[in-house]
């Protein structure tokens, strides 16, 4: 499995209008074959900092995700929403278990 963890940033004033766009993209991503988890959450202490957590079956599923129409549409909104500081890192994981 491939775990993607990271953040993006946008101005505090744009968070509300970004929520609808993010919701559409998240729901479409969760419906993809190979998507095991897909979550965005705003930082409690740093408004406009969005934490991202994704879990994919494998790299092929992630590659299909990056090629999807909903990701292209999401990326087209970045300039208008002033999204910056995209910082996502992939991690190979196997046999996750509760801590």
Protein backbone atom coordinates (compact mmCIF):
# COMPACT_ATOMS: atom_id res chain seq x y z
CA UNK A 1 0.00 0.00 0.00
CA UNK A 2 1.02 3.58 -0.57
CA UNK A 3 0.35 6.19 2.14
CA UNK A 4 0.43 9.83 1.06
CA UNK A 5 0.81 12.38 3.86
CA UNK A 6 1.24 16.09 3.49
CA UNK A 7 -0.15 19.60 3.46
CA UNK A 8 -1.26 22.42 1.22
CA UNK A 9 -1.83 26.03 2.20
CA UNK A 10 -4.35 28.62 1.14
CA UNK A 11 -5.37 32.00 2.53
CA UNK A 12 -7.74 31.80 5.49
CA UNK A 13 -10.24 33.89 3.51
CA UNK A 14 -10.41 31.19 0.79
CA UNK A 15 -11.03 28.18 3.05
CA UNK A 16 -14.83 28.36 2.89
CA UNK A 17 -15.03 28.64 -0.89
CA UNK A 18 -12.45 25.85 -1.23
CA UNK A 19 -14.55 23.42 0.81
CA UNK A 20 -17.08 22.72 -1.96
CA UNK A 21 -14.31 22.17 -4.52
CA UNK A 22 -12.40 19.93 -2.12
CA UNK A 23 -15.52 17.96 -1.25
CA UNK A 24 -16.22 17.14 -4.91
CA UNK A 25 -12.62 16.08 -5.45
CA UNK A 26 -12.47 14.02 -2.24
CA UNK A 27 -15.71 12.16 -2.99
CA UNK A 28 -14.58 11.37 -6.53
CA UNK A 29 -11.18 10.23 -5.26
CA UNK A 30 -12.72 7.98 -2.61
CA UNK A 31 -14.79 6.30 -5.34
CA UNK A 32 -11.72 5.41 -7.40
CA UNK A 33 -10.58 1.82 -7.75
CA UNK A 34 -7.60 1.39 -5.44
CA UNK A 35 -8.48 4.25 -3.08
CA UNK A 36 -8.51 2.96 0.50
CA UNK A 37 -8.70 6.31 2.34
CA UNK A 38 -8.75 9.96 1.31
CA UNK A 39 -9.02 12.80 3.86
CA UNK A 40 -8.40 16.53 4.12
CA UNK A 41 -8.54 18.46 7.41
CA UNK A 42 -7.80 22.05 8.34
CA UNK A 43 -5.19 22.54 11.05
CA UNK A 44 -6.74 23.53 14.38
CA UNK A 45 -3.99 26.07 15.15
CA UNK A 46 -3.04 27.31 11.68
CA UNK A 47 -6.03 28.45 9.60
CA UNK A 48 -5.54 27.74 5.91
CA UNK A 49 -3.14 24.83 6.46
CA UNK A 50 -4.82 21.70 5.09
CA UNK A 51 -3.52 18.29 6.15
CA UNK A 52 -3.91 15.51 3.59
CA UNK A 53 -3.96 11.77 4.18
CA UNK A 54 -4.44 9.26 1.37
CA UNK A 55 -4.06 5.50 1.25
CA UNK A 56 -3.82 3.72 -2.12
CA UNK A 57 -3.71 0.04 -2.94
CA UNK A 58 -0.56 0.51 -5.06
CA UNK A 59 1.37 2.97 -7.21
CA UNK A 60 -0.72 2.11 -10.27
CA UNK A 61 -3.88 3.24 -8.44
CA UNK A 62 -2.16 6.49 -7.46
CA UNK A 63 -1.00 7.05 -11.04
CA UNK A 64 -4.59 6.57 -12.30
CA UNK A 65 -5.73 9.05 -9.66
CA UNK A 66 -3.22 11.66 -10.86
CA UNK A 67 -4.50 11.16 -14.44
CA UNK A 68 -8.19 11.51 -13.50
CA UNK A 69 -10.46 14.29 -14.72
CA UNK A 70 -11.41 15.32 -11.17
CA UNK A 71 -7.77 15.85 -10.23
CA UNK A 72 -7.26 17.96 -13.36
CA UNK A 73 -10.34 20.02 -12.41
CA UNK A 74 -9.05 20.37 -8.83
CA UNK A 75 -5.65 21.59 -10.02
CA UNK A 76 -7.30 24.17 -12.27
CA UNK A 77 -8.79 25.82 -9.15
CA UNK A 78 -5.44 26.31 -7.42
CA UNK A 79 -4.66 29.77 -8.83
CA UNK A 80 -8.10 31.17 -7.95
CA UNK A 81 -7.93 29.68 -4.45
CA UNK A 82 -4.29 30.80 -4.06
CA UNK A 83 -3.19 27.29 -3.06
CA UNK A 84 0.53 27.15 -2.32
CA UNK A 85 3.11 25.15 -0.41
CA UNK A 86 1.98 21.75 -1.68
CA UNK A 87 4.04 19.24 0.26
CA UNK A 88 3.05 15.59 -0.17
CA UNK A 89 5.22 12.58 0.53
CA UNK A 90 4.55 8.93 -0.36
CA UNK A 91 5.35 6.08 2.02
CA UNK A 92 5.24 2.37 1.29
CA UNK A 93 3.34 0.58 4.04
CA UNK A 94 2.36 -3.00 4.64
CA UNK A 95 0.18 -4.76 7.16
CA UNK A 96 -1.06 -1.71 9.09
CA UNK A 97 -2.38 -2.46 12.56
CA UNK A 98 -3.81 -0.33 15.37
CA UNK A 99 -1.31 1.35 17.64
